Amino acid sequence: MAHVVVTRPLIENGLKELQDAHTVTVCDPPEGAARSEDELIKLASDADVLLTVLADPVTERVFEACPNLQMVAQYAVGIDNIDLDAAAAHNVVVTHTPGVLTDATADMAWALLLGAARHVTAADQYVRDGTFERWETTLLLGTELADKTLGIVGLGRIGAATARRGLGFGMDVVYHNRHRANPTVERQTNAEYVALDELLATSDVVSLHCPLNEDSHYLIDADALATMKDTAILVNTARGAVVDENALVEAIGDGTIAAAGLDVFEDEPDVHPGLIEQERAVLAPHLGSATTEARTKMAHMCVASITAVLEEHDDVPHRAVENGSQWK
């Protein structure tokens, strides 16, 4: 019987199969707390399996301090919190949960986009404050999306799903990857491959779907924001550090861009105070995969991967790869 340590409570009954066969310890950190390496080591010191989330720093030091560790099962698509080289050096299997949160995250990107384009959060507050006394001709004027250009940075699974939704709104789609996408994906999304500078300069909406790595860290900085239209909306459901938040606060404040919709932040759960003060920034607490369907499937994928490793199957599903599929 193996010891599986889960760093966050998961959806109800998501771990039942695992709990029936092994010792499963589910941990719950204080509200809003991000674990340190020391805290993670304390939890996982005798664990055979560690089921993690993006906030867990699974570093070389963690692997060294947890000699029994056979695998890390990441309850997410992204794996930038895990030192994959260290995992390989310590012969630790790493898995993740790709694919099942594609539609949920694409829906969230569009929720943020529509919220920013039509001032939904400001309008909601306007009504709740009791300010709504009569219909006004110029109140909270937004922008229509039909015949506008949607720029996708990272045409992987989620980027492509976001692009397909754009077609339904009558938008033209352009995209940028490090390498051109599969022609089939281009046809399905009717997306044109362009250089990043061209995408930024011509898009009415820029939606980020690339993983965080050395190339994408602060990909959207002050220069990139200055390249965008002053009517443009930036949407980020990728990783917080893809955007320089200091530069974004300035860009929204001085009208360099019109608005932003953000589901991720550089120092989660801390949010840049300048973003909180900005009425034209629509903010969400990392809800991309937050549907009952997606979170249940993610739990089942983790369980399937863990079971395969513990039962020494030759084929372990959902193994993580070093380079994410969304930024190829």
C-alpha atoms as a PDB file:
ATOM      1  CA  MET A   1       0.000   0.000   0.000  1.00  0.00           C
ATOM      2  CA  ALA A   2       1.512   3.296  -1.123  1.00  0.00           C
ATOM      3  CA  HIS A   3       1.318   6.677   0.564  1.00  0.00           C
ATOM      4  CA  VAL A   4      -0.138   9.359  -1.705  1.00  0.00           C
ATOM      5  CA  VAL A   5       0.035  12.968  -0.520  1.00  0.00           C
ATOM      6  CA  VAL A   6      -2.415  15.401  -2.124  1.00  0.00           C
ATOM      7  CA  THR A   7      -1.528  19.055  -1.586  1.00  0.00           C
ATOM      8  CA  ARG A   8      -5.074  20.441  -2.029  1.00  0.00           C
ATOM      9  CA  PRO A   9      -8.568  19.018  -1.524  1.00  0.00           C
ATOM     10  CA  LEU A  10      -9.979  17.888  -4.862  1.00  0.00           C
ATOM     11  CA  ILE A  11     -13.523  17.631  -6.126  1.00  0.00           C
ATOM     12  CA  GLU A  12     -15.785  15.308  -4.121  1.00  0.00           C
ATOM     13  CA  ASN A  13     -15.178  11.605  -4.832  1.00  0.00           C
ATOM     14  CA  GLY A  14     -12.388  12.465  -7.248  1.00  0.00           C
ATOM     15  CA  LEU A  15      -9.913  10.300  -5.340  1.00  0.00           C
ATOM     16  CA  LYS A  16     -12.232   7.506  -4.205  1.00  0.00           C
ATOM     17  CA  GLU A  17     -10.621   4.774  -6.304  1.00  0.00           C
ATOM     18  CA  LEU A  18      -7.198   5.736  -4.997  1.00  0.00           C
ATOM     19  CA  GLN A  19      -8.400   5.961  -1.399  1.00  0.00           C
ATOM     20  CA  ASP A  20      -9.856   2.469  -1.613  1.00  0.00           C
ATOM     21  CA  ALA A  21      -6.461   1.001  -2.548  1.00  0.00           C
ATOM     22  CA  HIS A  22      -3.850   3.198  -0.854  1.00  0.00           C
ATOM     23  CA  THR A  23      -3.176   5.540   2.033  1.00  0.00           C
ATOM     24  CA  VAL A  24      -4.144   9.008   0.816  1.00  0.00           C
ATOM     25  CA  THR A  25      -3.359  12.129   2.832  1.00  0.00           C
ATOM     26  CA  VAL A  26      -5.222  15.209   1.626  1.00  0.00           C
ATOM     27  CA  CYS A  27      -3.760  18.484   2.869  1.00  0.00           C
ATOM     28  CA  ASP A  28      -5.445  21.859   3.036  1.00  0.00           C
ATOM     29  CA  PRO A  29      -3.233  24.944   3.436  1.00  0.00           C
ATOM     30  CA  PRO A  30      -4.509  28.096   5.132  1.00  0.00           C
ATOM     31  CA  GLU A  31      -6.722  30.263   2.938  1.00  0.00           C
ATOM     32  CA  GLY A  32      -4.634  32.051   0.346  1.00  0.00           C
ATOM     33  CA  ALA A  33      -1.369  30.474   1.480  1.00  0.00           C
ATOM     34  CA  ALA A  34       1.214  29.326  -1.036  1.00  0.00           C
ATOM     35  CA  ARG A  35       3.465  26.545   0.232  1.00  0.00           C
ATOM     36  CA  SER A  36       7.207  26.965   0.558  1.00  0.00           C
ATOM     37  CA  GLU A  37       9.735  24.274  -0.331  1.00  0.00           C
ATOM     38  CA  ASP A  38      10.134  23.497   3.382  1.00  0.00           C
ATOM     39  CA  GLU A  39       6.403  23.039   3.847  1.00  0.00           C
ATOM     40  CA  LEU A  40       6.145  20.811   0.786  1.00  0.00           C
ATOM     41  CA  ILE A  41       9.088  18.711   1.979  1.00  0.00           C
ATOM     42  CA  LYS A  42       7.463  18.287   5.377  1.00  0.00           C
ATOM     43  CA  LEU A  43       4.265  17.029   3.755  1.00  0.00           C
ATOM     44  CA  ALA A  44       5.965  14.722   1.274  1.00  0.00           C
ATOM     45  CA  SER A  45       8.964  13.450   3.235  1.00  0.00           C
ATOM     46  CA  ASP A  46       7.718   9.828   3.267  1.00  0.00           C
ATOM     47  CA  ALA A  47       5.364   9.985   0.274  1.00  0.00           C
ATOM     48  CA  ASP A  48       5.502   7.564  -2.635  1.00  0.00           C
ATOM     49  CA  VAL A  49       3.361   9.865  -4.765  1.00  0.00           C
ATOM     50  CA  LEU A  50       2.817  13.614  -4.611  1.00  0.00           C
ATOM     51  CA  LEU A  51      -0.304  15.034  -6.255  1.00  0.00           C
ATOM     52  CA  THR A  52       0.402  18.723  -6.823  1.00  0.00           C
ATOM     53  CA  VAL A  53      -1.059  21.973  -8.100  1.00  0.00           C
ATOM     54  CA  LEU A  54       0.648  24.876  -9.850  1.00  0.00           C
ATOM     55  CA  ALA A  55       1.353  26.703  -6.584  1.00  0.00           C
ATOM     56  CA  ASP A  56       3.552  23.880  -5.268  1.00  0.00           C
ATOM     57  CA  PRO A  57       7.309  24.448  -5.802  1.00  0.00           C
ATOM     58  CA  VAL A  58       8.497  20.948  -6.775  1.00  0.00           C
ATOM     59  CA  THR A  59      12.211  21.700  -6.945  1.00  0.00           C
ATOM     60  CA  GLU A  60      15.521  19.824  -6.897  1.00  0.00           C
ATOM     61  CA  ARG A  61      15.584  20.295  -3.144  1.00  0.00           C
ATOM     62  CA  VAL A  62      12.158  18.675  -2.780  1.00  0.00           C
ATOM     63  CA  PHE A  63      13.254  15.639  -4.787  1.00  0.00           C
ATOM     64  CA  GLU A  64      16.430  15.299  -2.731  1.00  0.00           C
ATOM     65  CA  ALA A  65      14.495  15.473   0.554  1.00  0.00           C
ATOM     66  CA  CYS A  66      11.840  12.922  -0.470  1.00  0.00           C
ATOM     67  CA  PRO A  67      13.745   9.703  -1.259  1.00  0.00           C
ATOM     68  CA  ASN A  68      10.633   7.510  -1.504  1.00  0.00           C
ATOM     69  CA  LEU A  69       9.026   9.653  -4.181  1.00  0.00           C
ATOM     70  CA  GLN A  70       8.165   7.676  -7.313  1.00  0.00           C
ATOM     71  CA  MET A  71       6.000  10.205  -9.104  1.00  0.00           C
ATOM     72  CA  VAL A  72       4.533  13.683  -9.155  1.00  0.00           C
ATOM     73  CA  ALA A  73       0.993  13.841 -10.548  1.00  0.00           C
ATOM     74  CA  GLN A  74       0.258  17.440 -11.486  1.00  0.00           C
ATOM     75  CA  TYR A  75      -3.389  18.469 -11.230  1.00  0.00           C
ATOM     76  CA  ALA A  76      -3.016  20.918 -14.113  1.00  0.00           C
ATOM     77  CA  VAL A  77      -1.857  21.144 -17.706  1.00  0.00           C
ATOM     78  CA  GLY A  78       1.059  23.460 -16.942  1.00  0.00           C
ATOM     79  CA  ILE A  79       4.177  22.068 -15.287  1.00  0.00           C
ATOM     80  CA  ASP A  80       6.374  25.151 -14.891  1.00  0.00           C
ATOM     81  CA  ASN A  81       6.402  24.686 -11.104  1.00  0.00           C
ATOM     82  CA  ILE A  82       8.160  21.326 -11.464  1.00  0.00           C
ATOM     83  CA  ASP A  83      11.901  20.908 -12.104  1.00  0.00           C
ATOM     84  CA  LEU A  84      11.676  18.263 -14.812  1.00  0.00           C
ATOM     85  CA  ASP A  85      15.434  17.819 -15.063  1.00  0.00           C
ATOM     86  CA  ALA A  86      15.590  17.106 -11.337  1.00  0.00           C
ATOM     87  CA  ALA A  87      12.656  14.709 -11.642  1.00  0.00           C
ATOM     88  CA  ALA A  88      14.482  12.779 -14.366  1.00  0.00           C
ATOM     89  CA  ALA A  89      17.704  12.732 -12.344  1.00  0.00           C
ATOM     90  CA  HIS A  90      15.846  11.239  -9.387  1.00  0.00           C
ATOM     91  CA  ASN A  91      13.917   8.803 -11.608  1.00  0.00           C
ATOM     92  CA  VAL A  92      10.574  10.365 -10.680  1.00  0.00           C
ATOM     93  CA  VAL A  93       7.692  10.121 -13.150  1.00  0.00           C
ATOM     94  CA  VAL A  94       5.817  13.373 -13.810  1.00  0.00           C
ATOM     95  CA  THR A  95       2.304  13.426 -15.231  1.00  0.00           C
ATOM     96  CA  HIS A  96      -0.229  16.186 -15.904  1.00  0.00           C
ATOM     97  CA  THR A  97      -3.805  16.642 -17.125  1.00  0.00           C
ATOM     98  CA  PRO A  98      -3.871  17.893 -20.728  1.00  0.00           C
ATOM     99  CA  GLY A  99      -6.904  18.096 -22.961  1.00  0.00           C
ATOM    100  CA  VAL A 100      -9.789  17.887 -20.512  1.00  0.00           C
ATOM    101  CA  LEU A 101      -9.792  21.559 -19.533  1.00  0.00           C
ATOM    102  CA  THR A 102      -9.586  22.892 -23.079  1.00  0.00           C
ATOM    103  CA  ASP A 103     -13.214  23.964 -23.455  1.00  0.00           C
ATOM    104  CA  ALA A 104     -13.512  25.170 -19.874  1.00  0.00           C
ATOM    105  CA  THR A 105     -10.510  27.468 -20.263  1.00  0.00           C
ATOM    106  CA  ALA A 106     -11.553  28.686 -23.700  1.00  0.00           C
ATOM    107  CA  ASP A 107     -14.984  29.519 -22.273  1.00  0.00           C
ATOM    108  CA  MET A 108     -13.271  31.444 -19.466  1.00  0.00           C
ATOM    109  CA  ALA A 109     -11.163  33.391 -21.951  1.00  0.00           C
ATOM    110  CA  TRP A 110     -14.358  34.416 -23.697  1.00  0.00           C
ATOM    111  CA  ALA A 111     -16.070  35.285 -20.426  1.00  0.00           C
ATOM    112  CA  LEU A 112     -13.203  37.665 -19.643  1.00  0.00           C
ATOM    113  CA  LEU A 113     -13.218  39.022 -23.184  1.00  0.00           C
ATOM    114  CA  LEU A 114     -16.937  39.740 -23.175  1.00  0.00           C
ATOM    115  CA  GLY A 115     -16.725  41.141 -19.661  1.00  0.00           C
ATOM    116  CA  ALA A 116     -14.046  43.586 -20.770  1.00  0.00           C
ATOM    117  CA  ALA A 117     -15.642  44.441 -24.110  1.00  0.00           C
ATOM    118  CA  ARG A 118     -19.044  45.192 -22.569  1.00  0.00           C
ATOM    119  CA  HIS A 119     -18.023  46.500 -19.112  1.00  0.00           C
ATOM    120  CA  VAL A 120     -19.911  43.675 -17.398  1.00  0.00           C
ATOM    121  CA  THR A 121     -18.312  43.984 -13.959  1.00  0.00           C
ATOM    122  CA  ALA A 122     -18.705  47.772 -13.918  1.00  0.00           C
ATOM    123  CA  ALA A 123     -22.322  47.414 -15.042  1.00  0.00           C
ATOM    124  CA  ASP A 124     -23.020  44.843 -12.342  1.00  0.00           C
ATOM    125  CA  GLN A 125     -21.593  47.161  -9.686  1.00  0.00           C
ATOM    126  CA  TYR A 126     -23.565  50.096 -11.129  1.00  0.00           C
ATOM    127  CA  VAL A 127     -26.810  48.178 -10.597  1.00  0.00           C
ATOM    128  CA  ARG A 128     -25.862  46.820  -7.147  1.00  0.00           C
ATOM    129  CA  ASP A 129     -24.888  50.306  -5.945  1.00  0.00           C
ATOM    130  CA  GLY A 130     -28.369  51.591  -6.741  1.00  0.00           C
ATOM    131  CA  THR A 131     -27.038  54.013  -9.340  1.00  0.00           C
ATOM    132  CA  PHE A 132     -29.275  52.697 -12.127  1.00  0.00           C
ATOM    133  CA  GLU A 133     -32.108  55.227 -12.259  1.00  0.00           C
ATOM    134  CA  ARG A 134     -32.837  55.440 -15.961  1.00  0.00           C
ATOM    135  CA  TRP A 135     -31.619  54.189 -19.355  1.00  0.00           C
ATOM    136  CA  GLU A 136     -28.812  56.371 -20.719  1.00  0.00           C
ATOM    137  CA  THR A 137     -27.678  56.684 -24.337  1.00  0.00           C
ATOM    138  CA  THR A 138     -23.957  56.848 -23.516  1.00  0.00           C
ATOM    139  CA  LEU A 139     -23.706  54.722 -20.365  1.00  0.00           C
ATOM    140  CA  LEU A 140     -20.839  52.205 -20.332  1.00  0.00           C
ATOM    141  CA  LEU A 141     -20.459  52.027 -24.088  1.00  0.00           C
ATOM    142  CA  GLY A 142     -18.572  48.900 -25.114  1.00  0.00           C
ATOM    143  CA  THR A 143     -17.305  47.472 -28.360  1.00  0.00           C
ATOM    144  CA  GLU A 144     -18.756  44.915 -30.767  1.00  0.00           C
ATOM    145  CA  LEU A 145     -16.639  41.944 -31.798  1.00  0.00           C
ATOM    146  CA  ALA A 146     -18.044  41.110 -35.233  1.00  0.00           C
ATOM    147  CA  ASP A 147     -15.604  41.913 -38.048  1.00  0.00           C
ATOM    148  CA  LYS A 148     -12.812  42.543 -35.523  1.00  0.00           C
ATOM    149  CA  THR A 149      -9.514  40.648 -35.360  1.00  0.00           C
ATOM    150  CA  LEU A 150      -8.769  38.079 -32.667  1.00  0.00           C
ATOM    151  CA  GLY A 151      -5.060  37.452 -32.136  1.00  0.00           C
ATOM    152  CA  ILE A 152      -4.161  34.108 -30.543  1.00  0.00           C
ATOM    153  CA  VAL A 153      -0.695  33.761 -28.997  1.00  0.00           C
ATOM    154  CA  GLY A 154      -0.180  30.008 -28.783  1.00  0.00           C
ATOM    155  CA  LEU A 155      -2.495  28.033 -31.086  1.00  0.00           C
ATOM    156  CA  GLY A 156      -2.490  24.813 -29.072  1.00  0.00           C
ATOM    157  CA  ARG A 157      -5.577  23.040 -27.770  1.00  0.00           C
ATOM    158  CA  ILE A 158      -6.907  25.963 -25.734  1.00  0.00           C
ATOM    159  CA  GLY A 159      -5.812  28.611 -28.204  1.00  0.00           C
ATOM    160  CA  ALA A 160      -7.527  26.761 -31.047  1.00  0.00           C
ATOM    161  CA  ALA A 161     -10.725  26.332 -29.005  1.00  0.00           C
ATOM    162  CA  THR A 162     -10.695  30.058 -28.250  1.00  0.00           C
ATOM    163  CA  ALA A 163     -10.161  30.808 -31.937  1.00  0.00           C
ATOM    164  CA  ARG A 164     -13.084  28.589 -32.984  1.00  0.00           C
ATOM    165  CA  ARG A 165     -15.349  30.535 -30.648  1.00  0.00           C
ATOM    166  CA  GLY A 166     -14.134  33.696 -32.333  1.00  0.00           C
ATOM    167  CA  LEU A 167     -15.424  32.431 -35.665  1.00  0.00           C
ATOM    168  CA  GLY A 168     -18.881  32.175 -34.121  1.00  0.00           C
ATOM    169  CA  PHE A 169     -18.679  35.865 -33.226  1.00  0.00           C
ATOM    170  CA  GLY A 170     -17.742  36.770 -36.796  1.00  0.00           C
ATOM    171  CA  MET A 171     -14.114  37.613 -35.990  1.00  0.00           C
ATOM    172  CA  ASP A 172     -11.056  37.243 -38.187  1.00  0.00           C
ATOM    173  CA  VAL A 173      -8.370  35.124 -36.507  1.00  0.00           C
ATOM    174  CA  VAL A 174      -4.611  35.506 -36.633  1.00  0.00           C
ATOM    175  CA  TYR A 175      -2.124  33.612 -34.509  1.00  0.00           C
ATOM    176  CA  HIS A 176       1.517  33.385 -33.539  1.00  0.00           C
ATOM    177  CA  ASN A 177       3.495  30.376 -32.316  1.00  0.00           C
ATOM    178  CA  ARG A 178       7.200  29.717 -32.120  1.00  0.00           C
ATOM    179  CA  HIS A 179       6.519  27.351 -35.018  1.00  0.00           C
ATOM    180  CA  ARG A 180       3.627  27.275 -37.434  1.00  0.00           C
ATOM    181  CA  ALA A 181       0.659  25.150 -36.364  1.00  0.00           C
ATOM    182  CA  ASN A 182      -0.578  22.041 -38.114  1.00  0.00           C
ATOM    183  CA  PRO A 183      -2.381  22.984 -41.366  1.00  0.00           C
ATOM    184  CA  THR A 184      -5.476  21.102 -40.183  1.00  0.00           C
ATOM    185  CA  VAL A 185      -5.679  23.332 -37.100  1.00  0.00           C
ATOM    186  CA  GLU A 186      -5.241  26.398 -39.299  1.00  0.00           C
ATOM    187  CA  ARG A 187      -8.129  25.288 -41.501  1.00  0.00           C
ATOM    188  CA  GLN A 188     -10.385  24.454 -38.549  1.00  0.00           C
ATOM    189  CA  THR A 189      -9.827  27.863 -36.994  1.00  0.00           C
ATOM    190  CA  ASN A 190      -9.462  29.815 -40.247  1.00  0.00           C
ATOM    191  CA  ALA A 191      -6.384  31.319 -38.588  1.00  0.00           C
ATOM    192  CA  GLU A 192      -3.598  33.142 -40.380  1.00  0.00           C
ATOM    193  CA  TYR A 193      -0.026  32.747 -39.122  1.00  0.00           C
ATOM    194  CA  VAL A 194       1.685  36.108 -38.535  1.00  0.00           C
ATOM    195  CA  ALA A 195       4.687  37.504 -36.721  1.00  0.00           C
ATOM    196  CA  LEU A 196       4.087  38.536 -33.117  1.00  0.00           C
ATOM    197  CA  ASP A 197       4.575  42.243 -33.835  1.00  0.00           C
ATOM    198  CA  GLU A 198       2.006  42.088 -36.618  1.00  0.00           C
ATOM    199  CA  LEU A 199      -0.443  40.242 -34.386  1.00  0.00           C
ATOM    200  CA  LEU A 200      -0.088  42.841 -31.653  1.00  0.00           C
ATOM    201  CA  ALA A 201      -0.419  45.759 -34.057  1.00  0.00           C
ATOM    202  CA  THR A 202      -3.468  44.484 -35.950  1.00  0.00           C
ATOM    203  CA  SER A 203      -5.530  42.593 -33.347  1.00  0.00           C
ATOM    204  CA  ASP A 204      -8.514  44.078 -31.568  1.00  0.00           C
ATOM    205  CA  VAL A 205      -8.249  41.310 -28.993  1.00  0.00           C
ATOM    206  CA  VAL A 206      -5.007  39.573 -27.985  1.00  0.00           C
ATOM    207  CA  SER A 207      -5.603  36.301 -26.137  1.00  0.00           C
ATOM    208  CA  LEU A 208      -2.650  34.535 -24.507  1.00  0.00           C
ATOM    209  CA  HIS A 209      -2.465  30.721 -24.482  1.00  0.00           C
ATOM    210  CA  CYS A 210       1.262  29.955 -24.315  1.00  0.00           C
ATOM    211  CA  PRO A 211       2.995  28.112 -21.460  1.00  0.00           C
ATOM    212  CA  LEU A 212       5.462  29.959 -19.260  1.00  0.00           C
ATOM    213  CA  ASN A 213       9.098  29.413 -20.184  1.00  0.00           C
ATOM    214  CA  GLU A 214      12.222  31.470 -20.864  1.00  0.00           C
ATOM    215  CA  ASP A 215      10.879  32.613 -24.209  1.00  0.00           C
ATOM    216  CA  SER A 216       7.446  33.641 -22.969  1.00  0.00           C
ATOM    217  CA  HIS A 217       8.367  35.262 -19.627  1.00  0.00           C
ATOM    218  CA  TYR A 218       7.224  38.907 -19.933  1.00  0.00           C
ATOM    219  CA  LEU A 219       6.412  38.277 -23.573  1.00  0.00           C
ATOM    220  CA  ILE A 220       3.878  41.067 -23.200  1.00  0.00           C
ATOM    221  CA  ASP A 221       6.001  43.894 -21.845  1.00  0.00           C
ATOM    222  CA  ALA A 222       5.849  47.673 -22.223  1.00  0.00           C
ATOM    223  CA  ASP A 223       7.087  47.531 -25.815  1.00  0.00           C
ATOM    224  CA  ALA A 224       4.563  44.858 -26.770  1.00  0.00           C
ATOM    225  CA  LEU A 225       1.718  46.799 -25.161  1.00  0.00           C
ATOM    226  CA  ALA A 226       2.810  49.964 -26.969  1.00  0.00           C
ATOM    227  CA  THR A 227       2.536  48.054 -30.247  1.00  0.00           C
ATOM    228  CA  MET A 228      -1.132  47.225 -29.617  1.00  0.00           C
ATOM    229  CA  LYS A 229      -4.096  49.343 -30.662  1.00  0.00           C
ATOM    230  CA  ASP A 230      -5.363  51.813 -28.084  1.00  0.00           C
ATOM    231  CA  THR A 231      -8.775  50.145 -28.509  1.00  0.00           C
ATOM    232  CA  ALA A 232      -7.403  46.630 -27.953  1.00  0.00           C
ATOM    233  CA  ILE A 233      -8.273  44.182 -25.183  1.00  0.00           C
ATOM    234  CA  LEU A 234      -5.676  41.822 -23.670  1.00  0.00           C
ATOM    235  CA  VAL A 235      -6.878  38.476 -22.289  1.00  0.00           C
ATOM    236  CA  ASN A 236      -4.635  36.187 -20.253  1.00  0.00           C
ATOM    237  CA  THR A 237      -5.677  32.677 -19.225  1.00  0.00           C
ATOM    238  CA  ALA A 238      -2.150  31.282 -19.671  1.00  0.00           C
ATOM    239  CA  ARG A 239       0.332  32.190 -16.907  1.00  0.00           C
ATOM    240  CA  GLY A 240       0.619  35.450 -15.034  1.00  0.00           C
ATOM    241  CA  ALA A 241       4.301  36.034 -15.738  1.00  0.00           C
ATOM    242  CA  VAL A 242       3.714  36.023 -19.501  1.00  0.00           C
ATOM    243  CA  VAL A 243       2.641  39.640 -18.864  1.00  0.00           C
ATOM    244  CA  ASP A 244       4.673  42.367 -17.182  1.00  0.00           C
ATOM    245  CA  GLU A 245       1.990  43.498 -14.756  1.00  0.00           C
ATOM    246  CA  ASN A 246       3.676  46.828 -13.961  1.00  0.00           C
ATOM    247  CA  ALA A 247       3.669  47.655 -17.658  1.00  0.00           C
ATOM    248  CA  LEU A 248       0.072  46.487 -18.011  1.00  0.00           C
ATOM    249  CA  VAL A 249      -1.131  48.711 -15.175  1.00  0.00           C
ATOM    250  CA  GLU A 250       0.476  51.697 -16.871  1.00  0.00           C
ATOM    251  CA  ALA A 251      -0.856  50.719 -20.290  1.00  0.00           C
ATOM    252  CA  ILE A 252      -4.442  50.484 -19.065  1.00  0.00           C
ATOM    253  CA  GLY A 253      -4.111  53.622 -16.957  1.00  0.00           C
ATOM    254  CA  ASP A 254      -2.758  55.850 -19.702  1.00  0.00           C
ATOM    255  CA  GLY A 255      -4.959  54.434 -22.479  1.00  0.00           C
ATOM    256  CA  THR A 256      -2.230  52.575 -24.354  1.00  0.00           C
ATOM    257  CA  ILE A 257      -4.737  49.706 -24.515  1.00  0.00           C
ATOM    258  CA  ALA A 258      -8.437  49.778 -23.732  1.00  0.00           C
ATOM    259  CA  ALA A 259      -8.871  46.946 -21.241  1.00  0.00           C
ATOM    260  CA  ALA A 260      -7.712  43.572 -19.982  1.00  0.00           C
ATOM    261  CA  GLY A 261      -9.303  40.341 -18.767  1.00  0.00           C
ATOM    262  CA  LEU A 262      -7.050  38.317 -16.472  1.00  0.00           C
ATOM    263  CA  ASP A 263      -7.504  34.899 -14.901  1.00  0.00           C
ATOM    264  CA  VAL A 264      -3.863  34.482 -13.871  1.00  0.00           C
ATOM    265  CA  PHE A 265      -1.354  36.656 -12.035  1.00  0.00           C
ATOM    266  CA  GLU A 266       2.389  36.711 -11.599  1.00  0.00           C
ATOM    267  CA  ASP A 267       2.403  36.323  -7.806  1.00  0.00           C
ATOM    268  CA  GLU A 268      -0.813  34.390  -7.170  1.00  0.00           C
ATOM    269  CA  PRO A 269      -2.727  34.646  -4.945  1.00  0.00           C
ATOM    270  CA  ASP A 270      -1.384  38.200  -4.601  1.00  0.00           C
ATOM    271  CA  VAL A 271      -2.668  40.553  -7.286  1.00  0.00           C
ATOM    272  CA  HIS A 272      -0.952  43.765  -8.350  1.00  0.00           C
ATOM    273  CA  PRO A 273      -2.773  46.561  -6.494  1.00  0.00           C
ATOM    274  CA  GLY A 274      -2.761  48.657  -9.647  1.00  0.00           C
ATOM    275  CA  LEU A 275      -4.863  46.021 -11.394  1.00  0.00           C
ATOM    276  CA  ILE A 276      -7.361  45.938  -8.555  1.00  0.00           C
ATOM    277  CA  GLU A 277      -7.758  49.701  -8.827  1.00  0.00           C
ATOM    278  CA  GLN A 278      -8.390  49.551 -12.577  1.00  0.00           C
ATOM    279  CA  GLU A 279     -12.078  49.473 -13.482  1.00  0.00           C
ATOM    280  CA  ARG A 280     -11.107  48.427 -17.008  1.00  0.00           C
ATOM    281  CA  ALA A 281      -9.381  45.268 -15.777  1.00  0.00           C
ATOM    282  CA  VAL A 282     -11.701  42.271 -15.393  1.00  0.00           C
ATOM    283  CA  LEU A 283     -10.137  39.929 -12.826  1.00  0.00           C
ATOM    284  CA  ALA A 284     -10.836  36.293 -11.894  1.00  0.00           C
ATOM    285  CA  PRO A 285      -9.147  33.970  -9.341  1.00  0.00           C
ATOM    286  CA  HIS A 286      -7.641  31.418 -11.763  1.00  0.00           C
ATOM    287  CA  LEU A 287     -10.936  29.819 -12.787  1.00  0.00           C
ATOM    288  CA  GLY A 288      -9.906  28.512 -16.211  1.00  0.00           C
ATOM    289  CA  SER A 289     -10.576  24.863 -15.409  1.00  0.00           C
ATOM    290  CA  ALA A 290     -13.237  25.574 -12.786  1.00  0.00           C
ATOM    291  CA  THR A 291     -16.123  23.523 -14.100  1.00  0.00           C
ATOM    292  CA  THR A 292     -17.446  20.401 -12.428  1.00  0.00           C
ATOM    293  CA  GLU A 293     -16.809  18.448 -15.619  1.00  0.00           C
ATOM    294  CA  ALA A 294     -13.196  19.552 -16.086  1.00  0.00           C
ATOM    295  CA  ARG A 295     -12.138  19.251 -12.453  1.00  0.00           C
ATOM    296  CA  THR A 296     -13.654  15.756 -12.197  1.00  0.00           C
ATOM    297  CA  LYS A 297     -11.863  14.597 -15.342  1.00  0.00           C
ATOM    298  CA  MET A 298      -8.593  16.075 -14.044  1.00  0.00           C
ATOM    299  CA  ALA A 299      -8.903  14.086 -10.814  1.00  0.00           C
ATOM    300  CA  HIS A 300      -9.636  10.889 -12.729  1.00  0.00           C
ATOM    301  CA  MET A 301      -6.604  11.468 -14.974  1.00  0.00           C
ATOM    302  CA  CYS A 302      -4.369  11.873 -11.936  1.00  0.00           C
ATOM    303  CA  VAL A 303      -5.763   8.690 -10.417  1.00  0.00           C
ATOM    304  CA  ALA A 304      -5.236   6.766 -13.669  1.00  0.00           C
ATOM    305  CA  SER A 305      -1.624   7.948 -13.900  1.00  0.00           C
ATOM    306  CA  ILE A 306      -0.895   7.186 -10.247  1.00  0.00           C
ATOM    307  CA  THR A 307      -2.436   3.730 -10.510  1.00  0.00           C
ATOM    308  CA  ALA A 308      -0.338   2.939 -13.576  1.00  0.00           C
ATOM    309  CA  VAL A 309       2.886   3.907 -11.805  1.00  0.00           C
ATOM    310  CA  LEU A 310       2.090   2.103  -8.557  1.00  0.00           C
ATOM    311  CA  GLU A 311       1.037  -1.033 -10.418  1.00  0.00           C
ATOM    312  CA  GLU A 312       4.193  -0.790 -12.567  1.00  0.00           C
ATOM    313  CA  HIS A 313       2.416  -0.618 -15.901  1.00  0.00           C
ATOM    314  CA  ASP A 314       4.643  -0.163 -18.933  1.00  0.00           C
ATOM    315  CA  ASP A 315       2.438   2.599 -20.310  1.00  0.00           C
ATOM    316  CA  VAL A 316       1.817   5.514 -17.930  1.00  0.00           C
ATOM    317  CA  PRO A 317      -0.890   7.851 -19.295  1.00  0.00           C
ATOM    318  CA  HIS A 318      -0.543  11.613 -19.376  1.00  0.00           C
ATOM    319  CA  ARG A 319       3.219  11.803 -18.935  1.00  0.00           C
ATOM    320  CA  ALA A 320       4.396  15.407 -18.947  1.00  0.00           C
ATOM    321  CA  VAL A 321       6.756  16.574 -21.647  1.00  0.00           C
ATOM    322  CA  GLU A 322       9.350  19.278 -21.225  1.00  0.00           C
ATOM    323  CA  ASN A 323       8.016  21.516 -23.991  1.00  0.00           C
ATOM    324  CA  GLY A 324       4.317  22.302 -23.786  1.00  0.00           C
ATOM    325  CA  SER A 325       2.122  21.488 -26.747  1.00  0.00           C
ATOM    326  CA  GLN A 326       0.570  24.943 -26.754  1.00  0.00           C
ATOM    327  CA  TRP A 327       3.712  26.823 -27.792  1.00  0.00           C
ATOM    328  CA  LYS A 328       5.243  24.845 -30.592  1.00  0.00           C
END
